[in-house]
PDB file of N, CA and C in Angstrom:
ATOM      1  N   MET A   1     -10.856 -19.324  -1.042  1.00  0.00           N
ATOM      2  CA  MET A   1     -10.334 -18.099  -0.487  1.00  0.00           C
ATOM      3  C   MET A   1     -11.270 -16.953  -0.854  1.00  0.00           C
ATOM      4  N   VAL A   2     -11.693 -16.198   0.132  1.00  0.00           N
ATOM      5  CA  VAL A   2     -12.547 -15.042  -0.097  1.00  0.00           C
ATOM      6  C   VAL A   2     -11.654 -13.822  -0.298  1.00  0.00           C
ATOM      7  N   VAL A   3     -11.837 -13.125  -1.398  1.00  0.00           N
ATOM      8  CA  VAL A   3     -11.040 -11.951  -1.701  1.00  0.00           C
ATOM      9  C   VAL A   3     -11.896 -10.712  -1.504  1.00  0.00           C
ATOM     10  N   TYR A   4     -11.424  -9.824  -0.656  1.00  0.00           N
ATOM     11  CA  TYR A   4     -12.094  -8.542  -0.453  1.00  0.00           C
ATOM     12  C   TYR A   4     -11.888  -7.737  -1.726  1.00  0.00           C
ATOM     13  N   VAL A   5     -12.953  -7.221  -2.277  1.00  0.00           N
ATOM     14  CA  VAL A   5     -12.861  -6.494  -3.538  1.00  0.00           C
ATOM     15  C   VAL A   5     -12.720  -5.003  -3.253  1.00  0.00           C
ATOM     16  N   LEU A   6     -11.587  -4.455  -3.692  1.00  0.00           N
ATOM     17  CA  LEU A   6     -11.385  -3.016  -3.603  1.00  0.00           C
ATOM     18  C   LEU A   6     -11.981  -2.384  -4.849  1.00  0.00           C
ATOM     19  N   SER A   7     -12.587  -1.232  -4.689  1.00  0.00           N
ATOM     20  CA  SER A   7     -13.101  -0.522  -5.863  1.00  0.00           C
ATOM     21  C   SER A   7     -11.925  -0.027  -6.695  1.00  0.00           C
ATOM     22  N   ASP A   8     -12.187   0.249  -7.963  1.00  0.00           N
ATOM     23  CA  ASP A   8     -11.126   0.780  -8.828  1.00  0.00           C
ATOM     24  C   ASP A   8     -10.562   2.074  -8.253  1.00  0.00           C
ATOM     25  N   GLU A   9     -11.436   2.901  -7.709  1.00  0.00           N
ATOM     26  CA  GLU A   9     -10.993   4.169  -7.121  1.00  0.00           C
ATOM     27  C   GLU A   9     -10.063   3.928  -5.932  1.00  0.00           C
ATOM     28  N   GLN A  10     -10.406   2.952  -5.073  1.00  0.00           N
ATOM     29  CA  GLN A  10      -9.558   2.640  -3.924  1.00  0.00           C
ATOM     30  C   GLN A  10      -8.193   2.119  -4.372  1.00  0.00           C
ATOM     31  N   VAL A  11      -8.202   1.233  -5.356  1.00  0.00           N
ATOM     32  CA  VAL A  11      -6.942   0.688  -5.865  1.00  0.00           C
ATOM     33  C   VAL A  11      -6.086   1.802  -6.444  1.00  0.00           C
ATOM     34  N   ASN A  12      -6.695   2.690  -7.210  1.00  0.00           N
ATOM     35  CA  ASN A  12      -5.950   3.809  -7.792  1.00  0.00           C
ATOM     36  C   ASN A  12      -5.327   4.677  -6.704  1.00  0.00           C
ATOM     37  N   LYS A  13      -6.073   4.967  -5.651  1.00  0.00           N
ATOM     38  CA  LYS A  13      -5.551   5.792  -4.556  1.00  0.00           C
ATOM     39  C   LYS A  13      -4.374   5.108  -3.871  1.00  0.00           C
ATOM     40  N   VAL A  14      -4.494   3.805  -3.648  1.00  0.00           N
ATOM     41  CA  VAL A  14      -3.420   3.066  -2.981  1.00  0.00           C
ATOM     42  C   VAL A  14      -2.151   3.104  -3.819  1.00  0.00           C
ATOM     43  N   PHE A  15      -2.260   2.760  -5.103  1.00  0.00           N
ATOM     44  CA  PHE A  15      -1.065   2.720  -5.932  1.00  0.00           C
ATOM     45  C   PHE A  15      -0.491   4.114  -6.190  1.00  0.00           C
ATOM     46  N   ARG A  16      -1.353   5.095  -6.284  1.00  0.00           N
ATOM     47  CA  ARG A  16      -0.878   6.480  -6.426  1.00  0.00           C
ATOM     48  C   ARG A  16      -0.100   6.888  -5.172  1.00  0.00           C
ATOM     49  N   ALA A  17      -0.627   6.534  -4.021  1.00  0.00           N
ATOM     50  CA  ALA A  17       0.048   6.874  -2.770  1.00  0.00           C
ATOM     51  C   ALA A  17       1.379   6.135  -2.642  1.00  0.00           C
ATOM     52  N   LEU A  18       1.405   4.878  -3.026  1.00  0.00           N
ATOM     53  CA  LEU A  18       2.621   4.075  -2.889  1.00  0.00           C
ATOM     54  C   LEU A  18       3.653   4.351  -3.981  1.00  0.00           C
ATOM     55  N   ALA A  19       3.303   5.160  -4.966  1.00  0.00           N
ATOM     56  CA  ALA A  19       4.246   5.493  -6.037  1.00  0.00           C
ATOM     57  C   ALA A  19       5.374   6.402  -5.545  1.00  0.00           C
ATOM     58  N   ASP A  20       5.194   7.005  -4.397  1.00  0.00           N
ATOM     59  CA  ASP A  20       6.175   7.934  -3.851  1.00  0.00           C
ATOM     60  C   ASP A  20       7.019   7.232  -2.781  1.00  0.00           C
ATOM     61  N   ALA A  21       8.347   7.367  -2.879  1.00  0.00           N
ATOM     62  CA  ALA A  21       9.255   6.682  -1.946  1.00  0.00           C
ATOM     63  C   ALA A  21       9.066   7.140  -0.500  1.00  0.00           C
ATOM     64  N   THR A  22       8.828   8.429  -0.294  1.00  0.00           N
ATOM     65  CA  THR A  22       8.621   8.929   1.066  1.00  0.00           C
ATOM     66  C   THR A  22       7.371   8.306   1.676  1.00  0.00           C
ATOM     67  N   ARG A  23       6.319   8.210   0.886  1.00  0.00           N
ATOM     68  CA  ARG A  23       5.077   7.621   1.395  1.00  0.00           C
ATOM     69  C   ARG A  23       5.264   6.142   1.716  1.00  0.00           C
ATOM     70  N   ARG A  24       5.999   5.435   0.857  1.00  0.00           N
ATOM     71  CA  ARG A  24       6.254   4.017   1.150  1.00  0.00           C
ATOM     72  C   ARG A  24       7.017   3.885   2.461  1.00  0.00           C
ATOM     73  N   ASP A  25       7.967   4.786   2.689  1.00  0.00           N
ATOM     74  CA  ASP A  25       8.738   4.741   3.925  1.00  0.00           C
ATOM     75  C   ASP A  25       7.855   5.054   5.133  1.00  0.00           C
ATOM     76  N   ILE A  26       6.960   6.010   4.984  1.00  0.00           N
ATOM     77  CA  ILE A  26       6.035   6.327   6.082  1.00  0.00           C
ATOM     78  C   ILE A  26       5.169   5.117   6.399  1.00  0.00           C
ATOM     79  N   VAL A  27       4.672   4.442   5.383  1.00  0.00           N
ATOM     80  CA  VAL A  27       3.863   3.239   5.608  1.00  0.00           C
ATOM     81  C   VAL A  27       4.695   2.198   6.348  1.00  0.00           C
ATOM     82  N   ARG A  28       5.928   1.976   5.889  1.00  0.00           N
ATOM     83  CA  ARG A  28       6.800   0.995   6.537  1.00  0.00           C
ATOM     84  C   ARG A  28       6.996   1.330   8.015  1.00  0.00           C
ATOM     85  N   ARG A  29       7.278   2.584   8.295  1.00  0.00           N
ATOM     86  CA  ARG A  29       7.507   2.998   9.685  1.00  0.00           C
ATOM     87  C   ARG A  29       6.256   2.824  10.549  1.00  0.00           C
ATOM     88  N   THR A  30       5.110   3.173   9.988  1.00  0.00           N
ATOM     89  CA  THR A  30       3.881   3.159  10.792  1.00  0.00           C
ATOM     90  C   THR A  30       3.258   1.776  10.900  1.00  0.00           C
ATOM     91  N   LEU A  31       3.664   0.846  10.074  1.00  0.00           N
ATOM     92  CA  LEU A  31       3.171  -0.521  10.232  1.00  0.00           C
ATOM     93  C   LEU A  31       3.863  -1.222  11.398  1.00  0.00           C
ATOM     94  N   SER A  32       5.093  -0.804  11.698  1.00  0.00           N
ATOM     95  CA  SER A  32       5.812  -1.441  12.794  1.00  0.00           C
ATOM     96  C   SER A  32       5.530  -0.780  14.141  1.00  0.00           C
ATOM     97  N   ALA A  33       5.108   0.494  14.130  1.00  0.00           N
ATOM     98  CA  ALA A  33       4.805   1.199  15.384  1.00  0.00           C
ATOM     99  C   ALA A  33       4.049   2.484  15.086  1.00  0.00           C
ATOM    100  N   GLU A  34       3.284   2.950  16.063  1.00  0.00           N
ATOM    101  CA  GLU A  34       2.647   4.260  15.940  1.00  0.00           C
ATOM    102  C   GLU A  34       3.737   5.318  15.974  1.00  0.00           C
ATOM    103  N   VAL A  35       3.566   6.351  15.151  1.00  0.00           N
ATOM    104  CA  VAL A  35       4.587   7.396  15.064  1.00  0.00           C
ATOM    105  C   VAL A  35       3.908   8.759  15.094  1.00  0.00           C
ATOM    106  N   ARG A  36       4.478   9.677  15.867  1.00  0.00           N
ATOM    107  CA  ARG A  36       3.974  11.044  15.882  1.00  0.00           C
ATOM    108  C   ARG A  36       4.337  11.722  14.567  1.00  0.00           C
ATOM    109  N   VAL A  37       3.444  12.575  14.072  1.00  0.00           N
ATOM    110  CA  VAL A  37       3.718  13.293  12.820  1.00  0.00           C
ATOM    111  C   VAL A  37       4.995  14.114  12.968  1.00  0.00           C
ATOM    112  N   SER A  38       5.200  14.697  14.119  1.00  0.00           N
ATOM    113  CA  SER A  38       6.417  15.499  14.322  1.00  0.00           C
ATOM    114  C   SER A  38       7.675  14.634  14.220  1.00  0.00           C
ATOM    115  N   ASP A  39       7.626  13.394  14.688  1.00  0.00           N
ATOM    116  CA  ASP A  39       8.767  12.490  14.559  1.00  0.00           C
ATOM    117  C   ASP A  39       8.984  12.086  13.101  1.00  0.00           C
ATOM    118  N   LEU A  40       7.885  11.891  12.374  1.00  0.00           N
ATOM    119  CA  LEU A  40       8.012  11.606  10.941  1.00  0.00           C
ATOM    120  C   LEU A  40       8.674  12.784  10.239  1.00  0.00           C
ATOM    121  N   ALA A  41       8.226  13.993  10.543  1.00  0.00           N
ATOM    122  CA  ALA A  41       8.761  15.184   9.888  1.00  0.00           C
ATOM    123  C   ALA A  41      10.260  15.323  10.160  1.00  0.00           C
ATOM    124  N   ALA A  42      10.685  14.970  11.351  1.00  0.00           N
ATOM    125  CA  ALA A  42      12.105  15.079  11.699  1.00  0.00           C
ATOM    126  C   ALA A  42      12.958  14.086  10.907  1.00  0.00           C
ATOM    127  N   ALA A  43      12.349  13.022  10.429  1.00  0.00           N
ATOM    128  CA  ALA A  43      13.093  11.978   9.722  1.00  0.00           C
ATOM    129  C   ALA A  43      13.357  12.301   8.253  1.00  0.00           C
ATOM    130  N   TYR A  44      12.715  13.337   7.726  1.00  0.00           N
ATOM    131  CA  TYR A  44      12.830  13.651   6.299  1.00  0.00           C
ATOM    132  C   TYR A  44      13.350  15.067   6.100  1.00  0.00           C
ATOM    133  N   ASP A  45      14.016  15.256   4.985  1.00  0.00           N
ATOM    134  CA  ASP A  45      14.557  16.566   4.637  1.00  0.00           C
ATOM    135  C   ASP A  45      13.492  17.362   3.882  1.00  0.00           C
ATOM    136  N   MET A  46      12.409  17.654   4.588  1.00  0.00           N
ATOM    137  CA  MET A  46      11.309  18.436   4.019  1.00  0.00           C
ATOM    138  C   MET A  46      10.553  19.096   5.156  1.00  0.00           C
ATOM    139  N   SER A  47       9.681  19.995   4.818  1.00  0.00           N
ATOM    140  CA  SER A  47       8.945  20.736   5.847  1.00  0.00           C
ATOM    141  C   SER A  47       7.908  19.840   6.535  1.00  0.00           C
ATOM    142  N   PHE A  48       7.503  20.279   7.702  1.00  0.00           N
ATOM    143  CA  PHE A  48       6.441  19.593   8.449  1.00  0.00           C
ATOM    144  C   PHE A  48       5.176  19.535   7.603  1.00  0.00           C
ATOM    145  N   ALA A  49       4.860  20.650   6.928  1.00  0.00           N
ATOM    146  CA  ALA A  49       3.650  20.703   6.091  1.00  0.00           C
ATOM    147  C   ALA A  49       3.720  19.688   4.959  1.00  0.00           C
ATOM    148  N   ALA A  50       4.901  19.494   4.364  1.00  0.00           N
ATOM    149  CA  ALA A  50       5.043  18.517   3.281  1.00  0.00           C
ATOM    150  C   ALA A  50       4.801  17.096   3.801  1.00  0.00           C
ATOM    151  N   VAL A  51       5.329  16.800   4.982  1.00  0.00           N
ATOM    152  CA  VAL A  51       5.099  15.473   5.576  1.00  0.00           C
ATOM    153  C   VAL A  51       3.615  15.296   5.880  1.00  0.00           C
ATOM    154  N   GLN A  52       2.969  16.333   6.375  1.00  0.00           N
ATOM    155  CA  GLN A  52       1.529  16.257   6.630  1.00  0.00           C
ATOM    156  C   GLN A  52       0.758  15.949   5.353  1.00  0.00           C
ATOM    157  N   LYS A  53       1.174  16.523   4.230  1.00  0.00           N
ATOM    158  CA  LYS A  53       0.504  16.245   2.956  1.00  0.00           C
ATOM    159  C   LYS A  53       0.697  14.793   2.542  1.00  0.00           C
ATOM    160  N   HIS A  54       1.888  14.260   2.769  1.00  0.00           N
ATOM    161  CA  HIS A  54       2.131  12.844   2.474  1.00  0.00           C
ATOM    162  C   HIS A  54       1.232  11.956   3.340  1.00  0.00           C
ATOM    163  N   VAL A  55       1.150  12.289   4.608  1.00  0.00           N
ATOM    164  CA  VAL A  55       0.300  11.514   5.530  1.00  0.00           C
ATOM    165  C   VAL A  55      -1.160  11.603   5.091  1.00  0.00           C
ATOM    166  N   ALA A  56      -1.595  12.780   4.673  1.00  0.00           N
ATOM    167  CA  ALA A  56      -2.980  12.962   4.221  1.00  0.00           C
ATOM    168  C   ALA A  56      -3.273  12.089   2.998  1.00  0.00           C
ATOM    169  N   ALA A  57      -2.330  12.014   2.068  1.00  0.00           N
ATOM    170  CA  ALA A  57      -2.521  11.167   0.879  1.00  0.00           C
ATOM    171  C   ALA A  57      -2.605   9.693   1.277  1.00  0.00           C
ATOM    172  N   LEU A  58      -1.776   9.287   2.209  1.00  0.00           N
ATOM    173  CA  LEU A  58      -1.811   7.897   2.691  1.00  0.00           C
ATOM    174  C   LEU A  58      -3.103   7.614   3.446  1.00  0.00           C
ATOM    175  N   GLU A  59      -3.565   8.604   4.197  1.00  0.00           N
ATOM    176  CA  GLU A  59      -4.810   8.452   4.944  1.00  0.00           C
ATOM    177  C   GLU A  59      -5.993   8.325   3.983  1.00  0.00           C
ATOM    178  N   GLU A  60      -6.000   9.126   2.935  1.00  0.00           N
ATOM    179  CA  GLU A  60      -7.075   9.065   1.947  1.00  0.00           C
ATOM    180  C   GLU A  60      -7.099   7.704   1.241  1.00  0.00           C
ATOM    181  N   ALA A  61      -5.929   7.118   1.065  1.00  0.00           N
ATOM    182  CA  ALA A  61      -5.835   5.808   0.415  1.00  0.00           C
ATOM    183  C   ALA A  61      -6.152   4.671   1.384  1.00  0.00           C
ATOM    184  N   GLY A  62      -6.293   4.986   2.663  1.00  0.00           N
ATOM    185  CA  GLY A  62      -6.601   3.953   3.659  1.00  0.00           C
ATOM    186  C   GLY A  62      -5.384   3.192   4.138  1.00  0.00           C
ATOM    187  N   LEU A  63      -4.194   3.702   3.839  1.00  0.00           N
ATOM    188  CA  LEU A  63      -2.970   3.013   4.234  1.00  0.00           C
ATOM    189  C   LEU A  63      -2.520   3.357   5.645  1.00  0.00           C
ATOM    190  N   VAL A  64      -2.964   4.504   6.158  1.00  0.00           N
ATOM    191  CA  VAL A  64      -2.681   4.904   7.535  1.00  0.00           C
ATOM    192  C   VAL A  64      -3.914   5.595   8.105  1.00  0.00           C
ATOM    193  N   THR A  65      -3.952   5.676   9.418  1.00  0.00           N
ATOM    194  CA  THR A  65      -4.943   6.514  10.085  1.00  0.00           C
ATOM    195  C   THR A  65      -4.182   7.473  10.988  1.00  0.00           C
ATOM    196  N   LYS A  66      -4.758   8.645  11.176  1.00  0.00           N
ATOM    197  CA  LYS A  66      -4.154   9.658  12.038  1.00  0.00           C
ATOM    198  C   LYS A  66      -5.133   9.924  13.165  1.00  0.00           C
ATOM    199  N   ILE A  67      -4.646   9.822  14.382  1.00  0.00           N
ATOM    200  CA  ILE A  67      -5.500  10.047  15.541  1.00  0.00           C
ATOM    201  C   ILE A  67      -4.909  11.163  16.401  1.00  0.00           C
ATOM    202  N   ALA A  68      -5.789  11.873  17.083  1.00  0.00           N
ATOM    203  CA  ALA A  68      -5.346  12.928  17.986  1.00  0.00           C
ATOM    204  C   ALA A  68      -5.146  12.329  19.366  1.00  0.00           C
ATOM    205  N   ARG A  69      -4.014  12.631  19.946  1.00  0.00           N
ATOM    206  CA  ARG A  69      -3.732  12.237  21.318  1.00  0.00           C
ATOM    207  C   ARG A  69      -3.204  13.487  22.013  1.00  0.00           C
ATOM    208  N   GLY A  70      -4.134  14.206  22.634  1.00  0.00           N
ATOM    209  CA  GLY A  70      -3.777  15.508  23.196  1.00  0.00           C
ATOM    210  C   GLY A  70      -3.476  16.467  22.056  1.00  0.00           C
ATOM    211  N   ARG A  71      -2.323  17.110  22.120  1.00  0.00           N
ATOM    212  CA  ARG A  71      -1.924  18.027  21.051  1.00  0.00           C
ATOM    213  C   ARG A  71      -1.181  17.322  19.928  1.00  0.00           C
ATOM    214  N   GLU A  72      -0.856  16.078  20.137  1.00  0.00           N
ATOM    215  CA  GLU A  72      -0.085  15.330  19.137  1.00  0.00           C
ATOM    216  C   GLU A  72      -1.003  14.611  18.160  1.00  0.00           C
ATOM    217  N   ARG A  73      -0.483  14.393  16.974  1.00  0.00           N
ATOM    218  CA  ARG A  73      -1.166  13.589  15.962  1.00  0.00           C
ATOM    219  C   ARG A  73      -0.331  12.335  15.748  1.00  0.00           C
ATOM    220  N   ILE A  74      -0.963  11.203  15.955  1.00  0.00           N
ATOM    221  CA  ILE A  74      -0.288   9.911  15.867  1.00  0.00           C
ATOM    222  C   ILE A  74      -0.723   9.223  14.577  1.00  0.00           C
ATOM    223  N   VAL A  75       0.243   8.668  13.854  1.00  0.00           N
ATOM    224  CA  VAL A  75      -0.043   7.975  12.606  1.00  0.00           C
ATOM    225  C   VAL A  75       0.167   6.475  12.833  1.00  0.00           C
ATOM    226  N   ARG A  76      -0.809   5.720  12.393  1.00  0.00           N
ATOM    227  CA  ARG A  76      -0.803   4.259  12.572  1.00  0.00           C
ATOM    228  C   ARG A  76      -1.060   3.611  11.211  1.00  0.00           C
ATOM    229  N   GLY A  77      -0.223   2.658  10.835  1.00  0.00           N
ATOM    230  CA  GLY A  77      -0.407   1.932   9.584  1.00  0.00           C
ATOM    231  C   GLY A  77      -1.638   1.053   9.618  1.00  0.00           C
ATOM    232  N   GLN A  78      -2.211   0.801   8.456  1.00  0.00           N
ATOM    233  CA  GLN A  78      -3.408  -0.035   8.337  1.00  0.00           C
ATOM    234  C   GLN A  78      -3.072  -1.318   7.569  1.00  0.00           C
ATOM    235  N   PRO A  79      -2.680  -2.375   8.277  1.00  0.00           N
ATOM    236  CA  PRO A  79      -2.280  -3.609   7.606  1.00  0.00           C
ATOM    237  C   PRO A  79      -3.415  -4.260   6.807  1.00  0.00           C
ATOM    238  N   ASP A  80      -4.660  -4.014   7.182  1.00  0.00           N
ATOM    239  CA  ASP A  80      -5.772  -4.608   6.429  1.00  0.00           C
ATOM    240  C   ASP A  80      -5.787  -4.128   4.983  1.00  0.00           C
ATOM    241  N   THR A  81      -5.524  -2.851   4.772  1.00  0.00           N
ATOM    242  CA  THR A  81      -5.492  -2.331   3.405  1.00  0.00           C
ATOM    243  C   THR A  81      -4.360  -2.981   2.624  1.00  0.00           C
ATOM    244  N   ILE A  82      -3.203  -3.109   3.244  1.00  0.00           N
ATOM    245  CA  ILE A  82      -2.065  -3.774   2.594  1.00  0.00           C
ATOM    246  C   ILE A  82      -2.442  -5.208   2.243  1.00  0.00           C
ATOM    247  N   ARG A  83      -3.121  -5.876   3.151  1.00  0.00           N
ATOM    248  CA  ARG A  83      -3.550  -7.266   2.921  1.00  0.00           C
ATOM    249  C   ARG A  83      -4.510  -7.351   1.735  1.00  0.00           C
ATOM    250  N   HIS A  84      -5.441  -6.413   1.638  1.00  0.00           N
ATOM    251  CA  HIS A  84      -6.401  -6.421   0.522  1.00  0.00           C
ATOM    252  C   HIS A  84      -5.698  -6.201  -0.816  1.00  0.00           C
ATOM    253  N   VAL A  85      -4.732  -5.296  -0.824  1.00  0.00           N
ATOM    254  CA  VAL A  85      -3.978  -5.058  -2.055  1.00  0.00           C
ATOM    255  C   VAL A  85      -3.142  -6.287  -2.399  1.00  0.00           C
ATOM    256  N   GLN A  86      -2.577  -6.921  -1.382  1.00  0.00           N
ATOM    257  CA  GLN A  86      -1.799  -8.140  -1.620  1.00  0.00           C
ATOM    258  C   GLN A  86      -2.691  -9.233  -2.224  1.00  0.00           C
ATOM    259  N   GLU A  87      -3.917  -9.356  -1.743  1.00  0.00           N
ATOM    260  CA  GLU A  87      -4.856 -10.332  -2.310  1.00  0.00           C
ATOM    261  C   GLU A  87      -5.132 -10.023  -3.777  1.00  0.00           C
ATOM    262  N   LEU A  88      -5.299  -8.737  -4.092  1.00  0.00           N
ATOM    263  CA  LEU A  88      -5.526  -8.333  -5.476  1.00  0.00           C
ATOM    264  C   LEU A  88      -4.332  -8.716  -6.347  1.00  0.00           C
ATOM    265  N   LEU A  89      -3.136  -8.425  -5.877  1.00  0.00           N
ATOM    266  CA  LEU A  89      -1.938  -8.752  -6.643  1.00  0.00           C
ATOM    267  C   LEU A  89      -1.759 -10.266  -6.776  1.00  0.00           C
ATOM    268  N   THR A  90      -2.124 -11.007  -5.751  1.00  0.00           N
ATOM    269  CA  THR A  90      -2.057 -12.471  -5.820  1.00  0.00           C
ATOM    270  C   THR A  90      -3.019 -12.998  -6.879  1.00  0.00           C
ATOM    271  N   THR A  91      -4.186 -12.386  -6.979  1.00  0.00           N
ATOM    272  CA  THR A  91      -5.154 -12.770  -8.011  1.00  0.00           C
ATOM    273  C   THR A  91      -4.555 -12.555  -9.397  1.00  0.00           C
ATOM    274  N   TYR A  92      -3.906 -11.395  -9.609  1.00  0.00           N
ATOM    275  CA  TYR A  92      -3.258 -11.127 -10.897  1.00  0.00           C
ATOM    276  C   TYR A  92      -2.127 -12.122 -11.156  1.00  0.00           C
ATOM    277  N   GLU A  93      -1.371 -12.423 -10.121  1.00  0.00           N
ATOM    278  CA  GLU A  93      -0.272 -13.386 -10.273  1.00  0.00           C
ATOM    279  C   GLU A  93      -0.808 -14.752 -10.672  1.00  0.00           C
ATOM    280  N   ASP A  94      -1.904 -15.168 -10.046  1.00  0.00           N
ATOM    281  CA  ASP A  94      -2.510 -16.463 -10.385  1.00  0.00           C
ATOM    282  C   ASP A  94      -2.945 -16.500 -11.850  1.00  0.00           C
ATOM    283  N   ILE A  95      -3.523 -15.409 -12.326  1.00  0.00           N
ATOM    284  CA  ILE A  95      -3.953 -15.339 -13.735  1.00  0.00           C
ATOM    285  C   ILE A  95      -2.747 -15.521 -14.653  1.00  0.00           C
ATOM    286  N   TRP A  96      -1.656 -14.814 -14.368  1.00  0.00           N
ATOM    287  CA  TRP A  96      -0.474 -14.918 -15.218  1.00  0.00           C
ATOM    288  C   TRP A  96       0.167 -16.289 -15.125  1.00  0.00           C
ATOM    289  N   ARG A  97       0.180 -16.881 -13.949  1.00  0.00           N
ATOM    290  CA  ARG A  97       0.744 -18.235 -13.819  1.00  0.00           C
ATOM    291  C   ARG A  97      -0.077 -19.245 -14.633  1.00  0.00           C
ATOM    292  N   GLN A  98      -1.394 -19.085 -14.645  1.00  0.00           N
ATOM    293  CA  GLN A  98      -2.242 -19.967 -15.452  1.00  0.00           C
ATOM    294  C   GLN A  98      -1.951 -19.775 -16.937  1.00  0.00           C
ATOM    295  N   ARG A  99      -1.778 -18.541 -17.360  1.00  0.00           N
ATOM    296  CA  ARG A  99      -1.465 -18.269 -18.767  1.00  0.00           C
ATOM    297  C   ARG A  99      -0.125 -18.889 -19.161  1.00  0.00           C
ATOM    298  N   ILE A 100       0.848 -18.747 -18.304  1.00  0.00           N
ATOM    299  CA  ILE A 100       2.164 -19.318 -18.589  1.00  0.00           C
ATOM    300  C   ILE A 100       2.079 -20.840 -18.637  1.00  0.00           C
ATOM    301  N   SER A 101       1.313 -21.417 -17.735  1.00  0.00           N
ATOM    302  CA  SER A 101       1.139 -22.872 -17.733  1.00  0.00           C
ATOM    303  C   SER A 101       0.487 -23.347 -19.023  1.00  0.00           C
ATOM    304  N   ARG A 102      -0.546 -22.617 -19.484  1.00  0.00           N
ATOM    305  CA  ARG A 102      -1.197 -22.989 -20.747  1.00  0.00           C
ATOM    306  C   ARG A 102      -0.235 -22.844 -21.922  1.00  0.00           C
ATOM    307  N   LEU A 103       0.599 -21.812 -21.892  1.00  0.00           N
ATOM    308  CA  LEU A 103       1.589 -21.628 -22.945  1.00  0.00           C
ATOM    309  C   LEU A 103       2.605 -22.771 -22.921  1.00  0.00           C
ATOM    310  N   ASP A 104       3.054 -23.148 -21.728  1.00  0.00           N
ATOM    311  CA  ASP A 104       3.965 -24.287 -21.595  1.00  0.00           C
ATOM    312  C   ASP A 104       3.348 -25.554 -22.181  1.00  0.00           C
ATOM    313  N   ASP A 105       2.069 -25.798 -21.849  1.00  0.00           N
ATOM    314  CA  ASP A 105       1.370 -26.978 -22.378  1.00  0.00           C
ATOM    315  C   ASP A 105       1.288 -26.914 -23.893  1.00  0.00           C
ATOM    316  N   PHE A 106       0.961 -25.752 -24.425  1.00  0.00           N
ATOM    317  CA  PHE A 106       0.864 -25.580 -25.872  1.00  0.00           C
ATOM    318  C   PHE A 106       2.204 -25.858 -26.555  1.00  0.00           C
ATOM    319  N   LEU A 107       3.273 -25.296 -26.000  1.00  0.00           N
ATOM    320  CA  LEU A 107       4.591 -25.493 -26.581  1.00  0.00           C
ATOM    321  C   LEU A 107       5.053 -26.947 -26.481  1.00  0.00           C
ATOM    322  N   ALA A 108       4.685 -27.597 -25.380  1.00  0.00           N
ATOM    323  CA  ALA A 108       5.026 -29.020 -25.231  1.00  0.00           C
ATOM    324  C   ALA A 108       4.306 -29.855 -26.276  1.00  0.00           C
ATOM    325  N   ASP A 109       3.038 -29.524 -26.574  1.00  0.00           N
ATOM    326  CA  ASP A 109       2.272 -30.249 -27.605  1.00  0.00           C
ATOM    327  C   ASP A 109       2.865 -30.013 -28.987  1.00  0.00           C
ATOM    328  N   GLU A 110       3.351 -28.807 -29.248  1.00  0.00           N
ATOM    329  CA  GLU A 110       3.926 -28.462 -30.538  1.00  0.00           C
ATOM    330  C   GLU A 110       5.224 -29.221 -30.807  1.00  0.00           C
ATOM    331  N   THR A 111       5.990 -29.482 -29.773  1.00  0.00           N
ATOM    332  CA  THR A 111       7.270 -30.172 -29.949  1.00  0.00           C
ATOM    333  C   THR A 111       7.108 -31.688 -29.978  1.00  0.00           C
ATOM    334  N   SER A 112       5.914 -32.195 -29.676  1.00  0.00           N
ATOM    335  CA  SER A 112       5.698 -33.653 -29.656  1.00  0.00           C
ATOM    336  C   SER A 112       5.492 -34.191 -31.032  1.00  0.00           C
TER     337      SER A 112
END
C-alpha cells in the first residue's frame, strides 16, 4: 500500500480545522454536495462573515475548495485530503495493533 505523506504542517492544519464542530459539519455537508456559502451561513446561528472564516480555515487545510460561479461562491469538499488523513490514522492504528500483539505475546510467554 502506498501512503501519501502529508507534511507535519498539513496534518496540523487539518486537525486544527477539524477540531471545531462547525467546521466538521461544513466538511460533512460539502462532501455530499456542493453548497453555496450563503446556504451554509443560513444553516448556522452565526454571521455570514464567521461562516466565511470557517470556510477559509477549511480551505487552507485542503479540506474544501471554494469556487466562484457568477456572484456566488460554491464550497466543495475534498475527499482526497480526507483519504490521506485516513491513511495516516490507519498507519498509527497499525503501529498500535502491532504493539498490543507483541504485548499479548509477551504476556502469554510469561504465563507459560
